[in-house]
N, C-alpha and C. Protein backbone atom coordinates (compact mmCIF):
# COMPACT_ATOMS: atom_id res chain seq x y z
N MET A 1 -6.75 -19.56 -5.32
CA MET A 1 -6.40 -18.17 -5.06
C MET A 1 -7.09 -17.71 -3.76
N ASP A 2 -6.26 -17.28 -2.79
CA ASP A 2 -6.77 -16.90 -1.47
C ASP A 2 -6.61 -15.38 -1.29
N LEU A 3 -7.68 -14.65 -1.54
CA LEU A 3 -7.62 -13.19 -1.44
C LEU A 3 -7.29 -12.74 -0.02
N THR A 4 -7.78 -13.48 0.99
CA THR A 4 -7.49 -13.13 2.38
C THR A 4 -6.00 -13.15 2.64
N LEU A 5 -5.32 -14.14 2.09
CA LEU A 5 -3.86 -14.25 2.23
C LEU A 5 -3.16 -13.03 1.65
N TYR A 6 -3.59 -12.61 0.46
CA TYR A 6 -2.93 -11.47 -0.21
C TYR A 6 -3.20 -10.16 0.52
N VAL A 7 -4.43 -10.01 1.04
CA VAL A 7 -4.76 -8.79 1.80
C VAL A 7 -3.93 -8.74 3.08
N LYS A 8 -3.82 -9.87 3.77
CA LYS A 8 -3.03 -9.94 5.00
C LYS A 8 -1.55 -9.65 4.70
N PHE A 9 -1.06 -10.19 3.59
CA PHE A 9 0.33 -9.96 3.18
C PHE A 9 0.55 -8.48 2.88
N PHE A 10 -0.39 -7.88 2.18
CA PHE A 10 -0.30 -6.45 1.82
C PHE A 10 -0.31 -5.58 3.08
N LEU A 11 -1.24 -5.86 3.99
CA LEU A 11 -1.34 -5.07 5.22
C LEU A 11 -0.09 -5.26 6.08
N GLY A 12 0.48 -6.46 6.04
CA GLY A 12 1.74 -6.71 6.75
C GLY A 12 2.86 -5.83 6.22
N LEU A 13 2.93 -5.69 4.90
CA LEU A 13 3.94 -4.81 4.29
C LEU A 13 3.74 -3.37 4.73
N VAL A 14 2.48 -2.92 4.73
CA VAL A 14 2.18 -1.55 5.14
C VAL A 14 2.64 -1.31 6.57
N ALA A 15 2.36 -2.28 7.46
CA ALA A 15 2.73 -2.13 8.87
C ALA A 15 4.24 -2.16 9.06
N ILE A 16 4.91 -3.10 8.39
CA ILE A 16 6.35 -3.28 8.61
C ILE A 16 7.16 -2.15 7.97
N ILE A 17 6.85 -1.80 6.73
CA ILE A 17 7.62 -0.75 6.04
C ILE A 17 7.18 0.63 6.53
N ASN A 18 5.89 0.78 6.82
CA ASN A 18 5.34 2.02 7.39
C ASN A 18 5.73 3.25 6.57
N PRO A 19 5.25 3.36 5.34
CA PRO A 19 5.63 4.50 4.50
C PRO A 19 5.22 5.86 5.08
N VAL A 20 4.10 5.91 5.83
CA VAL A 20 3.69 7.18 6.44
C VAL A 20 4.72 7.62 7.48
N GLY A 21 5.20 6.66 8.27
CA GLY A 21 6.20 6.98 9.28
C GLY A 21 7.53 7.41 8.69
N LEU A 22 7.77 7.02 7.43
CA LEU A 22 9.02 7.39 6.77
C LEU A 22 8.95 8.75 6.08
N LEU A 23 7.77 9.36 6.05
CA LEU A 23 7.63 10.65 5.37
C LEU A 23 8.58 11.72 5.90
N PRO A 24 8.74 11.86 7.24
CA PRO A 24 9.70 12.87 7.71
C PRO A 24 11.12 12.62 7.22
N VAL A 25 11.50 11.34 7.17
CA VAL A 25 12.84 10.99 6.68
C VAL A 25 12.96 11.33 5.21
N PHE A 26 11.92 11.01 4.44
CA PHE A 26 11.94 11.31 3.01
C PHE A 26 12.05 12.82 2.78
N VAL A 27 11.25 13.59 3.52
CA VAL A 27 11.30 15.05 3.39
C VAL A 27 12.69 15.57 3.74
N SER A 28 13.28 15.01 4.79
CA SER A 28 14.60 15.45 5.23
C SER A 28 15.68 15.12 4.19
N LEU A 29 15.64 13.88 3.67
CA LEU A 29 16.66 13.43 2.72
C LEU A 29 16.57 14.16 1.38
N THR A 30 15.38 14.66 1.05
CA THR A 30 15.19 15.30 -0.26
C THR A 30 14.98 16.81 -0.13
N SER A 31 15.32 17.37 1.03
CA SER A 31 15.07 18.79 1.26
C SER A 31 15.84 19.69 0.30
N HIS A 32 16.96 19.19 -0.23
CA HIS A 32 17.78 20.00 -1.13
C HIS A 32 17.34 19.86 -2.59
N GLN A 33 16.34 19.01 -2.85
CA GLN A 33 15.94 18.72 -4.23
C GLN A 33 14.76 19.58 -4.65
N THR A 34 14.64 19.76 -5.97
CA THR A 34 13.46 20.41 -6.51
C THR A 34 12.29 19.43 -6.47
N GLU A 35 11.08 19.92 -6.70
CA GLU A 35 9.91 19.04 -6.67
C GLU A 35 10.03 17.94 -7.72
N LEU A 36 10.56 18.28 -8.90
CA LEU A 36 10.73 17.28 -9.96
C LEU A 36 11.73 16.21 -9.52
N ASP A 37 12.84 16.64 -8.93
CA ASP A 37 13.85 15.68 -8.46
C ASP A 37 13.31 14.83 -7.32
N ARG A 38 12.51 15.44 -6.44
CA ARG A 38 11.93 14.71 -5.31
C ARG A 38 11.00 13.61 -5.81
N ASN A 39 10.20 13.93 -6.82
CA ASN A 39 9.30 12.92 -7.39
C ASN A 39 10.09 11.80 -8.05
N GLN A 40 11.20 12.16 -8.70
CA GLN A 40 12.05 11.14 -9.32
C GLN A 40 12.68 10.24 -8.25
N THR A 41 13.09 10.84 -7.14
CA THR A 41 13.65 10.05 -6.03
C THR A 41 12.61 9.08 -5.48
N ALA A 42 11.37 9.57 -5.32
CA ALA A 42 10.29 8.71 -4.83
C ALA A 42 10.03 7.55 -5.79
N LYS A 43 10.08 7.86 -7.10
CA LYS A 43 9.83 6.82 -8.11
C LYS A 43 10.92 5.75 -8.07
N VAL A 44 12.19 6.19 -8.04
CA VAL A 44 13.31 5.24 -8.03
C VAL A 44 13.32 4.41 -6.75
N ALA A 45 13.07 5.05 -5.61
CA ALA A 45 13.09 4.35 -4.33
C ALA A 45 12.04 3.25 -4.28
N ASN A 46 10.83 3.58 -4.69
CA ASN A 46 9.75 2.59 -4.62
C ASN A 46 9.90 1.51 -5.68
N PHE A 47 10.46 1.87 -6.84
CA PHE A 47 10.75 0.85 -7.85
C PHE A 47 11.79 -0.13 -7.32
N ALA A 48 12.81 0.40 -6.64
CA ALA A 48 13.85 -0.46 -6.07
C ALA A 48 13.26 -1.39 -5.00
N VAL A 49 12.36 -0.85 -4.17
CA VAL A 49 11.72 -1.67 -3.14
C VAL A 49 10.93 -2.81 -3.76
N VAL A 50 10.16 -2.50 -4.79
CA VAL A 50 9.36 -3.53 -5.48
C VAL A 50 10.27 -4.61 -6.05
N ILE A 51 11.36 -4.22 -6.70
CA ILE A 51 12.29 -5.20 -7.28
C ILE A 51 12.90 -6.08 -6.19
N ILE A 52 13.36 -5.45 -5.10
CA ILE A 52 13.97 -6.20 -3.99
C ILE A 52 12.99 -7.23 -3.42
N LEU A 53 11.74 -6.81 -3.19
CA LEU A 53 10.76 -7.72 -2.59
C LEU A 53 10.31 -8.80 -3.57
N LEU A 54 10.23 -8.47 -4.85
CA LEU A 54 9.87 -9.49 -5.84
C LEU A 54 10.95 -10.57 -5.93
N VAL A 55 12.20 -10.14 -5.93
CA VAL A 55 13.31 -11.11 -5.95
C VAL A 55 13.26 -11.97 -4.69
N THR A 56 12.95 -11.34 -3.55
CA THR A 56 12.86 -12.07 -2.29
C THR A 56 11.75 -13.11 -2.32
N ILE A 57 10.61 -12.76 -2.92
CA ILE A 57 9.49 -13.70 -3.00
C ILE A 57 9.89 -14.97 -3.72
N PHE A 58 10.58 -14.83 -4.85
CA PHE A 58 10.88 -16.00 -5.68
C PHE A 58 12.21 -16.68 -5.32
N ALA A 59 13.11 -15.96 -4.63
CA ALA A 59 14.42 -16.54 -4.32
C ALA A 59 14.58 -16.88 -2.84
N GLY A 60 13.64 -16.42 -2.01
CA GLY A 60 13.78 -16.59 -0.56
C GLY A 60 13.96 -18.03 -0.13
N GLN A 61 13.11 -18.93 -0.62
CA GLN A 61 13.19 -20.33 -0.24
C GLN A 61 14.50 -20.95 -0.69
N HIS A 62 14.97 -20.56 -1.87
CA HIS A 62 16.24 -21.08 -2.38
C HIS A 62 17.40 -20.62 -1.51
N ILE A 63 17.32 -19.38 -0.99
CA ILE A 63 18.36 -18.87 -0.09
C ILE A 63 18.39 -19.70 1.19
N LEU A 64 17.21 -20.00 1.74
CA LEU A 64 17.15 -20.84 2.95
C LEU A 64 17.73 -22.21 2.68
N ASN A 65 17.40 -22.79 1.53
CA ASN A 65 17.92 -24.12 1.18
C ASN A 65 19.43 -24.09 1.00
N MET A 66 19.93 -23.00 0.42
CA MET A 66 21.37 -22.89 0.17
C MET A 66 22.17 -22.95 1.47
N PHE A 67 21.63 -22.34 2.52
CA PHE A 67 22.33 -22.32 3.81
C PHE A 67 21.80 -23.37 4.78
N SER A 68 20.95 -24.27 4.27
CA SER A 68 20.37 -25.35 5.08
C SER A 68 19.68 -24.81 6.34
N ILE A 69 18.91 -23.72 6.15
CA ILE A 69 18.17 -23.12 7.27
C ILE A 69 16.72 -23.59 7.18
N SER A 70 16.22 -24.14 8.28
CA SER A 70 14.83 -24.58 8.27
C SER A 70 13.90 -23.37 8.34
N LEU A 71 12.70 -23.55 7.82
CA LEU A 71 11.72 -22.46 7.85
C LEU A 71 11.38 -22.08 9.28
N SER A 72 11.30 -23.07 10.17
CA SER A 72 10.98 -22.80 11.57
C SER A 72 12.04 -21.91 12.22
N ALA A 73 13.32 -22.22 11.96
CA ALA A 73 14.41 -21.42 12.53
C ALA A 73 14.37 -20.00 11.98
N PHE A 74 14.08 -19.87 10.69
CA PHE A 74 14.03 -18.53 10.09
C PHE A 74 12.83 -17.75 10.61
N ARG A 75 11.73 -18.46 10.88
CA ARG A 75 10.56 -17.79 11.46
C ARG A 75 10.91 -17.18 12.80
N ILE A 76 11.63 -17.93 13.64
CA ILE A 76 12.00 -17.43 14.96
C ILE A 76 12.92 -16.22 14.83
N ALA A 77 13.93 -16.34 13.95
CA ALA A 77 14.88 -15.24 13.75
C ALA A 77 14.19 -14.02 13.15
N GLY A 78 13.41 -14.24 12.10
CA GLY A 78 12.70 -13.13 11.44
C GLY A 78 11.67 -12.49 12.34
N GLY A 79 10.92 -13.32 13.08
CA GLY A 79 9.91 -12.80 14.00
C GLY A 79 10.54 -11.97 15.11
N SER A 80 11.70 -12.42 15.60
CA SER A 80 12.42 -11.67 16.65
C SER A 80 12.85 -10.31 16.13
N LEU A 81 13.37 -10.30 14.90
CA LEU A 81 13.83 -9.05 14.30
C LEU A 81 12.67 -8.08 14.09
N ILE A 82 11.55 -8.60 13.59
CA ILE A 82 10.36 -7.77 13.39
C ILE A 82 9.88 -7.20 14.73
N ALA A 83 9.92 -8.03 15.78
CA ALA A 83 9.48 -7.57 17.10
C ALA A 83 10.39 -6.47 17.64
N ILE A 84 11.71 -6.58 17.41
CA ILE A 84 12.66 -5.56 17.88
C ILE A 84 12.38 -4.23 17.20
N ILE A 85 12.17 -4.27 15.87
CA ILE A 85 11.86 -3.04 15.13
C ILE A 85 10.53 -2.46 15.61
N ALA A 86 9.56 -3.35 15.86
CA ALA A 86 8.23 -2.90 16.32
C ALA A 86 8.32 -2.20 17.67
N LEU A 87 9.14 -2.72 18.59
CA LEU A 87 9.29 -2.11 19.90
C LEU A 87 9.86 -0.70 19.77
N SER A 88 10.78 -0.53 18.82
CA SER A 88 11.33 0.79 18.56
C SER A 88 10.26 1.73 18.02
N MET A 89 9.42 1.21 17.12
CA MET A 89 8.34 2.02 16.55
C MET A 89 7.32 2.42 17.61
N LEU A 90 7.09 1.55 18.59
CA LEU A 90 6.13 1.85 19.65
C LEU A 90 6.60 3.03 20.51
N GLN A 91 7.88 3.34 20.44
CA GLN A 91 8.42 4.50 21.15
C GLN A 91 8.40 5.74 20.27
N GLY A 92 7.76 5.61 19.09
CA GLY A 92 7.66 6.74 18.18
C GLY A 92 8.89 6.96 17.35
N LYS A 93 9.72 5.92 17.24
CA LYS A 93 10.96 6.04 16.47
C LYS A 93 10.85 5.15 15.23
N LEU A 94 11.68 5.48 14.23
CA LEU A 94 11.78 4.59 13.07
C LEU A 94 12.61 3.39 13.42
N GLY A 95 13.45 3.50 14.44
CA GLY A 95 14.24 2.37 14.88
C GLY A 95 15.68 2.48 14.43
N GLU A 96 16.57 2.57 15.42
CA GLU A 96 17.99 2.63 15.07
C GLU A 96 18.46 1.35 14.42
N VAL A 97 17.66 0.27 14.58
CA VAL A 97 18.05 -0.99 13.95
C VAL A 97 17.98 -0.90 12.44
N LYS A 98 17.27 0.09 11.91
CA LYS A 98 17.16 0.22 10.46
C LYS A 98 18.35 0.95 9.86
N ARG A 99 18.98 1.83 10.62
CA ARG A 99 20.13 2.55 10.13
C ARG A 99 20.94 3.05 11.31
N ASN A 100 22.21 3.34 11.09
CA ASN A 100 23.06 3.82 12.17
C ASN A 100 23.57 5.21 11.83
N LYS A 101 24.35 5.81 12.76
CA LYS A 101 24.81 7.18 12.56
C LYS A 101 25.72 7.31 11.35
N GLU A 102 26.54 6.28 11.12
CA GLU A 102 27.43 6.33 9.96
C GLU A 102 26.64 6.38 8.66
N GLU A 103 25.55 5.59 8.59
CA GLU A 103 24.69 5.62 7.40
C GLU A 103 24.01 6.97 7.26
N ASP A 104 23.66 7.62 8.39
CA ASP A 104 23.07 8.96 8.34
C ASP A 104 24.05 9.96 7.73
N ARG A 105 25.31 9.87 8.15
CA ARG A 105 26.32 10.79 7.63
C ARG A 105 26.54 10.57 6.14
N GLU A 106 26.56 9.29 5.72
CA GLU A 106 26.72 8.99 4.31
C GLU A 106 25.54 9.52 3.51
N ALA A 107 24.33 9.39 4.07
CA ALA A 107 23.11 9.84 3.37
C ALA A 107 23.15 11.33 3.14
N SER A 108 23.62 12.08 4.16
CA SER A 108 23.63 13.53 4.02
C SER A 108 24.65 13.99 2.99
N ALA A 109 25.64 13.14 2.72
CA ALA A 109 26.68 13.51 1.76
C ALA A 109 26.37 13.04 0.35
N MET A 110 25.34 12.23 0.19
CA MET A 110 25.02 11.67 -1.12
C MET A 110 24.02 12.55 -1.86
N GLU A 111 24.23 12.67 -3.17
CA GLU A 111 23.27 13.43 -3.97
C GLU A 111 22.01 12.60 -4.20
N SER A 112 22.20 11.32 -4.48
CA SER A 112 21.05 10.45 -4.72
C SER A 112 20.84 9.57 -3.50
N VAL A 113 19.66 9.66 -2.89
CA VAL A 113 19.37 8.87 -1.69
C VAL A 113 18.27 7.86 -1.96
N ALA A 114 17.89 7.71 -3.22
CA ALA A 114 16.72 6.89 -3.56
C ALA A 114 16.92 5.42 -3.18
N VAL A 115 18.05 4.85 -3.61
CA VAL A 115 18.28 3.42 -3.36
C VAL A 115 18.86 3.21 -1.97
N VAL A 116 19.92 3.94 -1.64
CA VAL A 116 20.53 3.87 -0.31
C VAL A 116 20.55 5.28 0.26
N PRO A 117 19.99 5.53 1.42
CA PRO A 117 19.44 4.56 2.38
C PRO A 117 17.92 4.40 2.31
N LEU A 118 17.24 5.08 1.37
CA LEU A 118 15.79 5.11 1.40
C LEU A 118 15.18 3.73 1.10
N ALA A 119 15.50 3.18 -0.08
CA ALA A 119 14.94 1.87 -0.43
C ALA A 119 15.52 0.77 0.45
N LEU A 120 16.83 0.82 0.63
CA LEU A 120 17.54 -0.18 1.43
C LEU A 120 18.55 0.56 2.31
N PRO A 121 18.45 0.52 3.62
CA PRO A 121 17.65 -0.45 4.40
C PRO A 121 16.36 0.12 5.01
N LEU A 122 16.01 1.40 4.76
CA LEU A 122 14.88 1.99 5.47
C LEU A 122 13.54 1.36 5.09
N MET A 123 13.34 1.07 3.79
CA MET A 123 12.06 0.50 3.38
C MET A 123 12.13 -1.02 3.29
N ALA A 124 12.90 -1.52 2.35
CA ALA A 124 13.07 -2.97 2.21
C ALA A 124 14.18 -3.41 3.14
N GLY A 125 13.93 -3.27 4.44
CA GLY A 125 14.92 -3.62 5.44
C GLY A 125 14.81 -5.07 5.86
N PRO A 126 15.57 -5.45 6.89
CA PRO A 126 15.57 -6.86 7.34
C PRO A 126 14.19 -7.35 7.75
N GLY A 127 13.41 -6.48 8.41
CA GLY A 127 12.08 -6.90 8.85
C GLY A 127 11.17 -7.24 7.68
N ALA A 128 11.14 -6.37 6.67
CA ALA A 128 10.29 -6.61 5.49
C ALA A 128 10.75 -7.84 4.73
N ILE A 129 12.07 -7.96 4.53
CA ILE A 129 12.60 -9.10 3.79
C ILE A 129 12.31 -10.41 4.53
N SER A 130 12.48 -10.41 5.86
CA SER A 130 12.20 -11.61 6.65
C SER A 130 10.73 -12.01 6.52
N SER A 131 9.85 -11.03 6.64
CA SER A 131 8.41 -11.30 6.55
C SER A 131 8.04 -11.88 5.19
N VAL A 132 8.62 -11.31 4.12
CA VAL A 132 8.32 -11.77 2.76
C VAL A 132 8.82 -13.20 2.55
N ILE A 133 10.03 -13.50 3.03
CA ILE A 133 10.58 -14.86 2.87
C ILE A 133 9.70 -15.87 3.58
N VAL A 134 9.26 -15.55 4.80
CA VAL A 134 8.41 -16.48 5.56
C VAL A 134 7.09 -16.70 4.83
N SER A 135 6.45 -15.63 4.37
CA SER A 135 5.16 -15.76 3.67
C SER A 135 5.31 -16.57 2.39
N ALA A 136 6.37 -16.30 1.62
CA ALA A 136 6.58 -17.01 0.36
C ALA A 136 6.89 -18.48 0.60
N ALA A 137 7.62 -18.78 1.68
CA ALA A 137 7.96 -20.17 1.98
C ALA A 137 6.74 -20.95 2.46
N GLU A 138 5.86 -20.28 3.22
CA GLU A 138 4.65 -20.93 3.74
C GLU A 138 3.63 -21.19 2.64
N HIS A 139 3.55 -20.31 1.67
CA HIS A 139 2.53 -20.40 0.61
C HIS A 139 3.24 -20.39 -0.74
N GLY A 140 3.96 -21.47 -1.02
CA GLY A 140 4.90 -21.50 -2.14
C GLY A 140 4.35 -21.89 -3.50
N THR A 141 3.02 -21.99 -3.66
CA THR A 141 2.50 -22.32 -4.98
C THR A 141 2.68 -21.12 -5.91
N ILE A 142 2.76 -21.39 -7.21
CA ILE A 142 3.01 -20.31 -8.18
C ILE A 142 1.89 -19.28 -8.15
N ILE A 143 0.65 -19.74 -7.93
CA ILE A 143 -0.49 -18.80 -7.86
C ILE A 143 -0.31 -17.84 -6.68
N ASN A 144 0.05 -18.40 -5.53
CA ASN A 144 0.24 -17.55 -4.34
C ASN A 144 1.41 -16.60 -4.51
N LEU A 145 2.49 -17.07 -5.12
CA LEU A 145 3.65 -16.21 -5.34
C LEU A 145 3.29 -15.06 -6.28
N LEU A 146 2.51 -15.36 -7.30
CA LEU A 146 2.07 -14.30 -8.23
C LEU A 146 1.12 -13.33 -7.52
N GLY A 147 0.24 -13.87 -6.67
CA GLY A 147 -0.68 -13.01 -5.92
C GLY A 147 0.07 -12.07 -4.98
N MET A 148 1.09 -12.60 -4.32
CA MET A 148 1.90 -11.76 -3.42
C MET A 148 2.70 -10.74 -4.22
N SER A 149 3.11 -11.12 -5.43
CA SER A 149 3.83 -10.18 -6.30
C SER A 149 2.94 -9.00 -6.67
N VAL A 150 1.68 -9.28 -6.98
CA VAL A 150 0.72 -8.21 -7.29
C VAL A 150 0.55 -7.30 -6.07
N ALA A 151 0.49 -7.91 -4.87
CA ALA A 151 0.36 -7.13 -3.64
C ALA A 151 1.56 -6.20 -3.44
N VAL A 152 2.76 -6.70 -3.76
CA VAL A 152 3.98 -5.89 -3.65
C VAL A 152 3.92 -4.70 -4.61
N ILE A 153 3.46 -4.95 -5.84
CA ILE A 153 3.37 -3.88 -6.84
C ILE A 153 2.36 -2.82 -6.41
N ILE A 154 1.21 -3.27 -5.87
CA ILE A 154 0.19 -2.33 -5.38
C ILE A 154 0.76 -1.52 -4.22
N PHE A 155 1.51 -2.19 -3.34
CA PHE A 155 2.13 -1.47 -2.23
C PHE A 155 3.10 -0.40 -2.75
N GLY A 156 3.89 -0.75 -3.77
CA GLY A 156 4.83 0.20 -4.35
C GLY A 156 4.12 1.43 -4.90
N LEU A 157 2.98 1.22 -5.56
CA LEU A 157 2.20 2.34 -6.11
C LEU A 157 1.63 3.21 -5.00
N LEU A 158 1.12 2.55 -3.94
CA LEU A 158 0.58 3.30 -2.79
C LEU A 158 1.67 4.13 -2.12
N SER A 159 2.82 3.51 -1.90
CA SER A 159 3.93 4.20 -1.24
C SER A 159 4.43 5.36 -2.09
N PHE A 160 4.50 5.15 -3.40
CA PHE A 160 4.94 6.22 -4.31
C PHE A 160 3.98 7.41 -4.25
N THR A 161 2.68 7.11 -4.21
CA THR A 161 1.68 8.17 -4.11
C THR A 161 1.84 8.97 -2.82
N LEU A 162 2.07 8.24 -1.71
CA LEU A 162 2.26 8.92 -0.42
C LEU A 162 3.50 9.80 -0.45
N PHE A 163 4.58 9.30 -1.05
CA PHE A 163 5.82 10.08 -1.10
C PHE A 163 5.66 11.33 -1.96
N ARG A 164 4.89 11.21 -3.03
CA ARG A 164 4.65 12.39 -3.88
C ARG A 164 3.86 13.45 -3.12
N MET A 165 3.04 13.01 -2.17
CA MET A 165 2.24 13.94 -1.38
C MET A 165 2.88 14.22 -0.03
N ALA A 166 4.18 13.89 0.10
CA ALA A 166 4.86 13.94 1.39
C ALA A 166 4.73 15.30 2.08
N GLY A 167 5.00 16.36 1.35
CA GLY A 167 4.95 17.69 1.94
C GLY A 167 3.60 18.03 2.52
N VAL A 168 2.54 17.75 1.76
CA VAL A 168 1.16 18.05 2.20
C VAL A 168 0.79 17.19 3.40
N ILE A 169 1.07 15.87 3.32
CA ILE A 169 0.71 14.96 4.41
C ILE A 169 1.44 15.33 5.69
N TYR A 170 2.73 15.67 5.56
CA TYR A 170 3.53 16.01 6.74
C TYR A 170 2.98 17.26 7.42
N LYS A 171 2.54 18.24 6.60
CA LYS A 171 1.97 19.47 7.17
C LYS A 171 0.64 19.20 7.87
N ILE A 172 -0.18 18.31 7.28
CA ILE A 172 -1.50 18.01 7.85
C ILE A 172 -1.36 17.23 9.16
N LEU A 173 -0.56 16.15 9.12
CA LEU A 173 -0.44 15.27 10.28
C LEU A 173 0.47 15.85 11.35
N GLY A 174 1.53 16.52 10.91
CA GLY A 174 2.51 17.02 11.87
C GLY A 174 3.32 15.88 12.48
N LYS A 175 4.30 16.23 13.28
CA LYS A 175 5.15 15.22 13.90
C LYS A 175 4.36 14.32 14.83
N THR A 176 3.42 14.91 15.58
CA THR A 176 2.62 14.12 16.52
C THR A 176 1.75 13.10 15.81
N GLY A 177 1.08 13.54 14.73
CA GLY A 177 0.22 12.62 13.97
C GLY A 177 0.99 11.46 13.39
N ILE A 178 2.17 11.74 12.86
CA ILE A 178 2.99 10.68 12.27
C ILE A 178 3.48 9.74 13.37
N ASN A 179 3.80 10.28 14.55
CA ASN A 179 4.22 9.43 15.66
C ASN A 179 3.10 8.49 16.10
N VAL A 180 1.86 9.01 16.10
CA VAL A 180 0.71 8.16 16.47
C VAL A 180 0.57 7.01 15.48
N ILE A 181 0.67 7.31 14.18
CA ILE A 181 0.57 6.27 13.15
C ILE A 181 1.72 5.27 13.28
N THR A 182 2.92 5.78 13.56
CA THR A 182 4.09 4.91 13.71
C THR A 182 3.88 3.94 14.88
N ARG A 183 3.33 4.44 16.00
CA ARG A 183 3.09 3.57 17.16
C ARG A 183 2.01 2.53 16.84
N LEU A 184 0.97 2.94 16.11
CA LEU A 184 -0.09 2.00 15.73
C LEU A 184 0.47 0.90 14.84
N MET A 185 1.27 1.30 13.84
CA MET A 185 1.90 0.32 12.96
C MET A 185 2.85 -0.58 13.75
N GLY A 186 3.52 0.00 14.75
CA GLY A 186 4.42 -0.79 15.58
C GLY A 186 3.69 -1.88 16.34
N LEU A 187 2.49 -1.55 16.85
CA LEU A 187 1.68 -2.54 17.58
C LEU A 187 1.26 -3.68 16.66
N ILE A 188 0.81 -3.32 15.45
CA ILE A 188 0.42 -4.34 14.47
C ILE A 188 1.63 -5.20 14.11
N MET A 189 2.77 -4.53 13.91
CA MET A 189 3.99 -5.23 13.52
C MET A 189 4.48 -6.17 14.63
N LEU A 190 4.35 -5.74 15.89
CA LEU A 190 4.74 -6.59 17.01
C LEU A 190 3.89 -7.85 17.05
N SER A 191 2.59 -7.69 16.78
CA SER A 191 1.69 -8.85 16.73
C SER A 191 2.10 -9.82 15.63
N ILE A 192 2.47 -9.27 14.47
CA ILE A 192 2.93 -10.11 13.36
C ILE A 192 4.20 -10.86 13.76
N GLY A 193 5.14 -10.16 14.39
CA GLY A 193 6.39 -10.78 14.81
C GLY A 193 6.18 -11.92 15.79
N ILE A 194 5.29 -11.68 16.79
CA ILE A 194 5.01 -12.72 17.79
C ILE A 194 4.34 -13.93 17.13
N GLU A 195 3.44 -13.66 16.19
CA GLU A 195 2.76 -14.75 15.49
C GLU A 195 3.75 -15.60 14.69
N ILE A 196 4.69 -14.94 14.02
CA ILE A 196 5.70 -15.65 13.24
C ILE A 196 6.61 -16.47 14.16
N MET A 197 7.02 -15.87 15.29
CA MET A 197 7.87 -16.60 16.25
C MET A 197 7.13 -17.81 16.82
N GLY A 198 5.84 -17.62 17.14
CA GLY A 198 5.05 -18.72 17.68
C GLY A 198 4.99 -19.90 16.72
N ALA A 199 4.78 -19.59 15.44
CA ALA A 199 4.75 -20.66 14.42
C ALA A 199 6.11 -21.34 14.33
N GLY A 200 7.19 -20.56 14.48
CA GLY A 200 8.53 -21.13 14.42
C GLY A 200 8.80 -22.07 15.57
N PHE A 201 8.45 -21.64 16.78
CA PHE A 201 8.66 -22.50 17.95
C PHE A 201 7.82 -23.77 17.87
N LYS A 202 6.60 -23.62 17.35
CA LYS A 202 5.73 -24.79 17.22
C LYS A 202 6.30 -25.78 16.21
N GLY A 203 6.94 -25.23 15.14
CA GLY A 203 7.54 -26.11 14.14
C GLY A 203 8.78 -26.81 14.64
N MET A 204 9.56 -26.13 15.51
CA MET A 204 10.81 -26.72 16.02
C MET A 204 10.56 -27.65 17.20
N PHE A 205 9.52 -27.36 17.99
CA PHE A 205 9.25 -28.16 19.19
C PHE A 205 7.79 -28.62 19.19
N PRO A 206 7.42 -29.43 18.20
CA PRO A 206 5.99 -29.84 18.08
C PRO A 206 5.50 -30.64 19.28
N SER A 207 6.38 -31.43 19.90
CA SER A 207 5.94 -32.26 21.03
C SER A 207 5.65 -31.42 22.27
N LEU A 208 6.38 -30.29 22.41
CA LEU A 208 6.18 -29.45 23.57
C LEU A 208 5.00 -28.52 23.42
N LEU A 209 4.78 -28.04 22.18
CA LEU A 209 3.74 -27.03 21.94
C LEU A 209 2.56 -27.58 21.14
N GLY A 210 2.52 -28.87 20.90
CA GLY A 210 1.46 -29.46 20.09
C GLY A 210 0.12 -29.48 20.80
């Protein structure tokens, strides 16, 4: 059991999903709801995220095998995607790569926004799923998979707590404070993406980068 691995995995989730940066979106999507309904939306959204990531942890390697995709190739693709999202976050944005205008229009017309677009694709988006698949494939023992599962559950509880306090946190931090946190998370996320890509290139071209 490698606690350092699980802590790094957990912090990676925090950086990539960036629940603090999503608070303005959550407040906006639930502005028409009562406090009770808003808390229910937060609960459903984070439960959905936990389920999606847990399934990804245990099924990710099988998905790669099904399509005959090497881990190195997926590292390069996943790392590139994470880096693109991170560059958007460094500009103080959530990233248009996470959702488009059509999804925004659909969200505004939906009564329930917990699963779509909040849980998917805003939280458990391509970047988070790619990162989880790479981590699970690299450390595929049952102990490590269970440890990462516990980290996902803890993340879900942390994110749910933040969403329940969304109104207060948003008032305290303001738009500027949340933008600063988003940029900081973007820098961390960009580093993670580059590290994943580097490992992928090293795996595909060991003679050149050995």
